[in-house]
Amino acid sequence: MRLEREVLLDLVKSTRIHSEERIKALGINLHKYKQANSKPPQHLLAHIENHTNKLQELNELESEIKNSNRNSWRI
């Protein structure tokens, strides 16, 4: 399957936005645990870390696509 450069960038961008929104939502939940002076569940911290790592990978991928002179990408 071949995707045009702009289509691929749009996909990466929408996925990045989703991860950013999830990090914000999970951060709100984390803040509630901190306000209650209780230890947050490990899975909450793991989800935040997972989305943060995914966000970093998406930023690198987006940068690589933008810096490439290819017009289409095979997926």
N, C-alpha and C. Protein backbone atom coordinates (compact mmCIF):
# COMPACT_ATOMS: atom_id res chain seq x y z
N MET A 1 0.84 -1.17 0.00
CA MET A 1 0.00 0.00 0.00
C MET A 1 0.89 1.23 0.00
N ARG A 2 0.60 2.15 -0.88
CA ARG A 2 1.37 3.38 -0.97
C ARG A 2 0.53 4.56 -0.47
N LEU A 3 1.16 5.40 0.32
CA LEU A 3 0.51 6.60 0.81
C LEU A 3 1.29 7.82 0.36
N GLU A 4 0.57 8.81 -0.12
CA GLU A 4 1.20 10.06 -0.49
C GLU A 4 1.75 10.73 0.77
N ARG A 5 2.75 11.55 0.57
CA ARG A 5 3.45 12.19 1.68
C ARG A 5 2.50 12.99 2.57
N GLU A 6 1.63 13.80 1.97
CA GLU A 6 0.72 14.64 2.77
C GLU A 6 -0.30 13.80 3.55
N VAL A 7 -0.75 12.72 2.95
CA VAL A 7 -1.69 11.82 3.64
C VAL A 7 -1.01 11.18 4.84
N LEU A 8 0.21 10.74 4.65
CA LEU A 8 0.96 10.13 5.74
C LEU A 8 1.22 11.14 6.85
N LEU A 9 1.57 12.36 6.49
CA LEU A 9 1.79 13.40 7.50
C LEU A 9 0.51 13.69 8.27
N ASP A 10 -0.63 13.69 7.58
CA ASP A 10 -1.92 13.90 8.27
C ASP A 10 -2.21 12.78 9.25
N LEU A 11 -1.91 11.55 8.86
CA LEU A 11 -2.11 10.41 9.77
C LEU A 11 -1.23 10.52 11.01
N VAL A 12 0.02 10.85 10.80
CA VAL A 12 0.95 11.00 11.91
C VAL A 12 0.50 12.13 12.83
N LYS A 13 0.07 13.23 12.22
CA LYS A 13 -0.37 14.38 13.00
C LYS A 13 -1.60 14.05 13.84
N SER A 14 -2.58 13.38 13.26
CA SER A 14 -3.79 13.04 14.03
C SER A 14 -3.48 12.04 15.14
N THR A 15 -2.56 11.12 14.89
CA THR A 15 -2.15 10.17 15.92
C THR A 15 -1.41 10.89 17.04
N ARG A 16 -0.57 11.86 16.66
CA ARG A 16 0.18 12.64 17.66
C ARG A 16 -0.79 13.44 18.52
N ILE A 17 -1.78 14.05 17.90
CA ILE A 17 -2.77 14.84 18.65
C ILE A 17 -3.53 13.94 19.62
N HIS A 18 -3.88 12.74 19.18
CA HIS A 18 -4.57 11.79 20.06
C HIS A 18 -3.71 11.47 21.28
N SER A 19 -2.43 11.21 21.07
CA SER A 19 -1.54 10.88 22.19
C SER A 19 -1.39 12.07 23.13
N GLU A 20 -1.31 13.28 22.57
CA GLU A 20 -1.20 14.47 23.41
C GLU A 20 -2.44 14.64 24.28
N GLU A 21 -3.62 14.38 23.70
CA GLU A 21 -4.86 14.49 24.45
C GLU A 21 -4.95 13.42 25.53
N ARG A 22 -4.49 12.21 25.23
CA ARG A 22 -4.48 11.14 26.24
C ARG A 22 -3.54 11.49 27.38
N ILE A 23 -2.38 12.06 27.07
CA ILE A 23 -1.44 12.44 28.13
C ILE A 23 -2.07 13.49 29.03
N LYS A 24 -2.78 14.46 28.45
CA LYS A 24 -3.46 15.49 29.25
C LYS A 24 -4.51 14.87 30.15
N ALA A 25 -5.33 13.98 29.59
CA ALA A 25 -6.39 13.33 30.37
C ALA A 25 -5.80 12.48 31.49
N LEU A 26 -4.77 11.72 31.19
CA LEU A 26 -4.13 10.89 32.21
C LEU A 26 -3.45 11.76 33.26
N GLY A 27 -2.92 12.91 32.83
CA GLY A 27 -2.30 13.85 33.76
C GLY A 27 -3.32 14.40 34.76
N ILE A 28 -4.54 14.64 34.28
CA ILE A 28 -5.61 15.11 35.17
C ILE A 28 -5.91 14.04 36.22
N ASN A 29 -5.99 12.79 35.78
CA ASN A 29 -6.22 11.70 36.74
C ASN A 29 -5.08 11.59 37.74
N LEU A 30 -3.86 11.74 37.27
CA LEU A 30 -2.70 11.69 38.15
C LEU A 30 -2.75 12.82 39.17
N HIS A 31 -3.16 14.00 38.72
CA HIS A 31 -3.27 15.14 39.62
C HIS A 31 -4.29 14.88 40.73
N LYS A 32 -5.39 14.20 40.40
CA LYS A 32 -6.40 13.87 41.40
C LYS A 32 -5.83 12.96 42.48
N TYR A 33 -5.00 12.01 42.08
CA TYR A 33 -4.36 11.13 43.07
C TYR A 33 -3.41 11.92 43.95
N LYS A 34 -2.68 12.85 43.35
CA LYS A 34 -1.74 13.66 44.14
C LYS A 34 -2.48 14.57 45.11
N GLN A 35 -3.63 15.11 44.69
CA GLN A 35 -4.43 15.95 45.59
C GLN A 35 -4.93 15.15 46.79
N ALA A 36 -5.27 13.91 46.55
CA ALA A 36 -5.78 13.05 47.63
C ALA A 36 -4.64 12.45 48.45
N ASN A 37 -3.42 12.80 48.13
CA ASN A 37 -2.23 12.28 48.82
C ASN A 37 -2.19 10.76 48.82
N SER A 38 -2.61 10.18 47.71
CA SER A 38 -2.54 8.73 47.59
C SER A 38 -1.65 8.37 46.41
N LYS A 39 -1.14 7.18 46.47
CA LYS A 39 -0.24 6.71 45.43
C LYS A 39 -1.05 6.32 44.19
N PRO A 40 -0.70 6.86 43.01
CA PRO A 40 -1.44 6.51 41.80
C PRO A 40 -1.18 5.06 41.40
N PRO A 41 -2.16 4.43 40.75
CA PRO A 41 -1.96 3.05 40.31
C PRO A 41 -0.82 2.95 39.29
N GLN A 42 -0.13 1.86 39.30
CA GLN A 42 1.01 1.66 38.42
C GLN A 42 0.60 1.71 36.95
N HIS A 43 -0.61 1.19 36.65
CA HIS A 43 -1.04 1.18 35.25
C HIS A 43 -1.25 2.60 34.71
N LEU A 44 -1.63 3.54 35.58
CA LEU A 44 -1.80 4.93 35.15
C LEU A 44 -0.45 5.52 34.75
N LEU A 45 0.55 5.28 35.56
CA LEU A 45 1.89 5.76 35.24
C LEU A 45 2.43 5.10 33.97
N ALA A 46 2.12 3.80 33.81
CA ALA A 46 2.57 3.08 32.62
C ALA A 46 1.90 3.63 31.36
N HIS A 47 0.62 3.98 31.45
CA HIS A 47 -0.09 4.55 30.29
C HIS A 47 0.51 5.90 29.90
N ILE A 48 0.82 6.72 30.90
CA ILE A 48 1.42 8.03 30.62
C ILE A 48 2.77 7.84 29.95
N GLU A 49 3.58 6.93 30.47
CA GLU A 49 4.90 6.67 29.88
C GLU A 49 4.76 6.13 28.45
N ASN A 50 3.80 5.23 28.24
CA ASN A 50 3.58 4.66 26.92
C ASN A 50 3.22 5.74 25.90
N HIS A 51 2.30 6.62 26.25
CA HIS A 51 1.90 7.67 25.32
C HIS A 51 3.02 8.70 25.12
N THR A 52 3.81 8.94 26.14
CA THR A 52 4.94 9.85 26.00
C THR A 52 5.98 9.29 25.04
N ASN A 53 6.26 7.99 25.15
CA ASN A 53 7.19 7.34 24.23
C ASN A 53 6.65 7.33 22.81
N LYS A 54 5.35 7.05 22.68
CA LYS A 54 4.72 7.04 21.37
C LYS A 54 4.79 8.44 20.73
N LEU A 55 4.58 9.46 21.55
CA LEU A 55 4.63 10.83 21.07
C LEU A 55 6.02 11.18 20.55
N GLN A 56 7.05 10.73 21.26
CA GLN A 56 8.42 10.97 20.83
C GLN A 56 8.70 10.27 19.50
N GLU A 57 8.25 9.03 19.37
CA GLU A 57 8.44 8.29 18.12
C GLU A 57 7.70 8.95 16.96
N LEU A 58 6.49 9.43 17.22
CA LEU A 58 5.72 10.10 16.17
C LEU A 58 6.39 11.40 15.73
N ASN A 59 6.95 12.14 16.68
CA ASN A 59 7.66 13.37 16.33
C ASN A 59 8.88 13.05 15.46
N GLU A 60 9.60 11.99 15.79
CA GLU A 60 10.75 11.59 14.98
C GLU A 60 10.32 11.15 13.59
N LEU A 61 9.24 10.39 13.52
CA LEU A 61 8.72 9.94 12.23
C LEU A 61 8.27 11.12 11.37
N GLU A 62 7.57 12.04 11.98
CA GLU A 62 7.11 13.21 11.25
C GLU A 62 8.29 14.02 10.72
N SER A 63 9.30 14.18 11.54
CA SER A 63 10.50 14.90 11.12
C SER A 63 11.18 14.19 9.95
N GLU A 64 11.26 12.87 10.04
CA GLU A 64 11.88 12.08 8.98
C GLU A 64 11.10 12.22 7.67
N ILE A 65 9.79 12.20 7.75
CA ILE A 65 8.96 12.33 6.55
C ILE A 65 9.13 13.71 5.93
N LYS A 66 9.13 14.74 6.78
CA LYS A 66 9.26 16.10 6.28
C LYS A 66 10.61 16.34 5.63
N ASN A 67 11.66 15.74 6.18
CA ASN A 67 13.01 15.94 5.66
C ASN A 67 13.32 15.07 4.46
N SER A 68 12.44 14.14 4.15
CA SER A 68 12.66 13.25 3.02
C SER A 68 12.17 13.91 1.73
N ASN A 69 12.79 13.51 0.63
CA ASN A 69 12.34 14.04 -0.65
C ASN A 69 11.42 13.06 -1.37
N ARG A 70 11.00 12.01 -0.68
CA ARG A 70 10.09 11.02 -1.28
C ARG A 70 8.68 11.59 -1.34
N ASN A 71 7.98 11.28 -2.42
CA ASN A 71 6.60 11.76 -2.57
C ASN A 71 5.57 10.76 -2.07
N SER A 72 5.95 9.49 -2.01
CA SER A 72 5.03 8.48 -1.49
C SER A 72 5.81 7.46 -0.66
N TRP A 73 5.11 6.83 0.24
CA TRP A 73 5.72 5.88 1.16
C TRP A 73 4.97 4.56 1.09
N ARG A 74 5.69 3.50 1.13
CA ARG A 74 5.08 2.17 1.11
C ARG A 74 4.90 1.69 2.55
N ILE A 75 3.70 1.25 2.83
CA ILE A 75 3.40 0.78 4.18
C ILE A 75 2.92 -0.65 4.10
